[in-house]
Protein backbone atom coordinates (compact mmCIF):
# COMPACT_ATOMS: atom_id res chain seq x y z
CA MET A 1 -0.06 0.02 0.03
CA ILE A 2 2.57 2.54 1.19
CA ALA A 3 6.18 2.47 0.13
CA GLY A 4 9.23 4.00 1.84
CA CYS A 5 13.08 3.86 1.74
CA ARG A 6 14.30 0.36 2.76
CA THR A 7 16.66 0.17 5.56
CA SER A 8 18.22 -3.30 5.90
CA GLY A 9 18.35 -4.63 9.37
CA THR A 10 17.36 -7.31 11.87
CA PHE A 11 14.27 -7.66 14.03
CA ARG A 12 14.80 -9.81 17.14
CA ALA A 13 13.18 -9.76 20.68
CA GLY A 14 11.30 -6.63 19.86
CA VAL A 15 14.18 -4.76 18.71
CA PHE A 16 14.92 -3.52 15.05
CA GLU A 17 18.52 -2.73 14.30
CA GLY A 18 19.68 -1.33 11.10
CA HIS A 19 23.00 0.21 9.81
CA THR A 20 22.23 3.65 11.49
CA VAL A 21 19.18 3.01 13.66
CA LYS A 22 18.15 0.89 16.63
CA TYR A 23 14.58 1.07 18.04
CA GLU A 24 12.28 -1.00 20.24
CA ILE A 25 8.88 -1.89 18.83
CA ASP A 26 6.21 -4.60 19.36
CA GLU A 27 4.41 -6.71 16.80
CA PRO A 28 0.76 -5.84 16.18
CA GLY A 29 -0.60 -9.24 17.31
CA ASN A 30 -3.44 -11.47 16.31
CA GLY A 31 -4.87 -11.07 12.78
CA TRP A 32 -1.50 -9.64 11.46
CA GLN A 33 1.03 -11.43 9.37
CA LYS A 34 4.55 -10.24 8.85
CA ASP A 35 5.34 -9.15 5.37
CA ASN A 36 8.96 -9.18 4.05
CA LEU A 37 8.03 -7.92 0.66
CA ARG A 38 7.31 -4.32 1.62
CA ASP A 39 9.79 -1.45 1.11
CA ALA A 40 10.14 -0.56 4.81
CA ASP A 41 12.04 -1.68 7.96
CA LEU A 42 9.07 -3.63 9.17
CA ALA A 43 5.62 -4.51 7.72
CA TRP A 44 2.56 -6.49 8.56
CA ILE A 45 -0.64 -7.23 6.60
CA TYR A 46 -4.13 -7.52 8.36
CA HIS A 47 -6.75 -10.14 7.21
CA ASP A 48 -5.81 -10.65 3.53
CA GLY A 49 -4.98 -7.06 2.89
CA GLU A 50 -7.67 -5.07 4.59
CA ALA A 51 -4.93 -3.02 6.27
CA SER A 52 -1.12 -2.69 6.45
CA ILE A 53 1.29 -1.41 9.10
CA LEU A 54 4.71 -0.13 7.96
CA VAL A 55 7.47 0.97 10.10
CA ASN A 56 10.38 2.83 8.47
CA SER A 57 13.34 4.95 9.37
CA ARG A 58 15.61 7.11 7.21
CA CYS A 59 18.71 9.06 8.18
CA VAL A 60 19.86 10.21 4.72
CA GLY A 61 18.64 13.54 3.34
CA THR A 62 16.70 14.43 6.49
CA LYS A 63 16.92 18.13 6.59
CA ASP A 64 15.56 20.24 9.45
CA VAL A 65 11.96 19.84 8.26
CA SER A 66 9.00 20.23 10.39
CA LEU A 67 6.94 17.23 11.54
CA GLU A 68 4.05 18.54 9.54
CA ALA A 69 6.05 18.71 6.34
CA LEU A 70 7.49 15.21 6.85
CA THR A 71 3.90 13.85 7.45
CA GLY A 72 2.85 15.62 4.25
CA GLN A 73 5.50 13.77 2.25
CA LEU A 74 3.90 10.54 3.19
CA PHE A 75 0.82 11.57 1.32
CA ILE A 76 2.41 12.57 -1.87
CA GLY A 77 0.47 10.97 -4.84
CA MET A 78 -2.65 10.34 -2.85
CA THR A 79 -5.88 12.04 -3.71
CA ASP A 80 -9.07 13.31 -2.08
CA GLN A 81 -7.13 13.94 1.23
CA GLN A 82 -9.26 14.93 4.20
CA GLN A 83 -7.40 15.35 7.53
CA ILE A 84 -9.43 14.00 10.45
CA SER A 85 -6.96 14.86 13.19
CA MET A 86 -3.53 16.01 14.11
CA GLN A 87 -2.01 15.46 17.55
CA LYS A 88 1.43 15.91 19.01
CA ASP A 89 2.95 14.01 21.78
CA GLN A 90 6.35 13.00 23.22
CA ARG A 91 8.30 9.96 22.54
CA SER A 92 11.98 9.00 23.02
CA GLY A 93 12.50 12.53 24.39
CA ARG A 94 11.30 14.19 21.24
CA GLU A 95 8.08 15.59 19.94
CA ALA A 96 6.01 13.24 17.57
CA LEU A 97 3.04 13.85 15.36
CA GLU A 98 0.16 11.55 14.75
CA THR A 99 -2.25 12.33 11.97
CA VAL A 100 -5.44 10.54 10.64
CA THR A 101 -6.49 11.19 7.11
CA ASN A 102 -9.07 9.97 4.80
CA LEU A 103 -7.71 9.54 1.24
CA LYS A 104 -7.72 7.66 -1.91
CA ILE A 105 -4.76 5.44 -3.08
CA ASP A 106 -5.00 4.66 -6.75
CA GLY A 107 -8.71 5.71 -6.52
CA VAL A 108 -9.42 3.34 -3.65
CA PRO A 109 -10.82 4.99 -0.35
CA MET A 110 -8.44 4.37 2.52
CA VAL A 111 -7.80 5.64 6.09
CA MET A 112 -4.18 6.42 6.94
CA LYS A 113 -2.97 7.02 10.43
CA SER A 114 0.73 8.12 10.59
CA TYR A 115 3.11 8.67 13.47
CA VAL A 116 6.26 10.68 12.68
CA LEU A 117 9.28 11.28 14.99
CA LYS A 118 12.71 12.86 14.30
CA LYS A 119 15.73 12.11 16.54
CA ASP A 120 19.41 12.24 16.06
CA LEU A 121 19.20 13.23 12.38
CA CYS A 122 16.81 10.40 11.56
CA VAL A 123 13.10 10.29 10.84
CA TYR A 124 10.83 7.45 11.96
CA ASP A 125 7.35 6.67 10.66
CA ILE A 126 4.68 4.23 11.75
CA ILE A 127 1.92 4.01 9.18
CA LEU A 128 -1.34 2.36 9.21
CA ALA A 129 -3.21 2.25 5.92
CA ALA A 130 -6.58 0.56 6.08
CA ASP A 131 -9.91 -0.05 4.19
CA PRO A 132 -12.45 2.25 5.97
CA GLN A 133 -14.43 -0.70 7.12
CA ALA A 134 -11.41 -2.37 8.74
CA PHE A 135 -9.93 0.70 10.21
CA GLU A 136 -11.32 0.57 13.66
CA ALA A 137 -10.23 -3.14 14.15
CA ALA A 138 -6.76 -2.48 12.61
CA GLN A 139 -6.09 0.37 15.01
CA VAL A 140 -5.64 -2.17 17.75
CA GLY A 141 -2.57 -3.52 15.98
CA TYR A 142 -1.26 -0.02 15.17
CA GLU A 143 -1.53 1.11 18.88
CA THR A 144 0.29 -1.98 20.03
CA VAL A 145 3.15 -1.33 17.62
CA LYS A 146 3.31 2.32 18.59
CA ALA A 147 2.97 1.78 22.35
CA LYS A 148 6.48 0.10 22.61
CA PHE A 149 8.19 2.28 20.05
CA ASP A 150 11.32 3.94 21.51
CA VAL A 151 14.54 4.98 19.67
CA GLN A 152 17.60 3.27 21.24
CA GLU A 153 21.21 4.28 21.29
CA ARG A 154 23.24 2.33 18.79
CA GLU A 155 26.41 0.74 20.05
CA GLN A 156 29.37 1.79 17.99
C-alpha cells in the first residue's frame, strides 16, 4: 500500500537494528502477518490485505523539516485527502506527530494513520493504511506497535 526507503536490518526480541538506527517496537498481534516484501524496515498485513502497518526509518537527506512537512511527504500522490485529526505527543525524548487522514490510493478509499518522529538526524514513521471498514479493528494492532516504540542508542 505505502512505500518507503528500505533500511536493511534485523528484528529480534522486539528490537529493530539497522545500519544507522536501533529502536524497540512490538508486533501488532492477532490477525496480522509479517510481510517481508514491503519497502520498509518492518511491515505487517491484516486479514488478507484489509490493512497494513509499515515502520520505516531514514537518516539520509533528513533536513531540518517540520513534522507537519514530513507527514505531508507521506501523502504525496494520494488524492481526495481529508485530514481528520492531528495531535502531538512525546516519544523518545522528542516531539512526535500523529495524523489521521481519509484519502484515496489509486482511486481506492483508505484511512491512513501516521506517526512521525525525528531524533538524532533520523526520521521514523509508523503508518497504518486501512480500508475504511477495517480501520477501527486495525487500529488495535497499530496502537500495539506504537505503544512500545522507543529509539535506542546504537552501540558503535
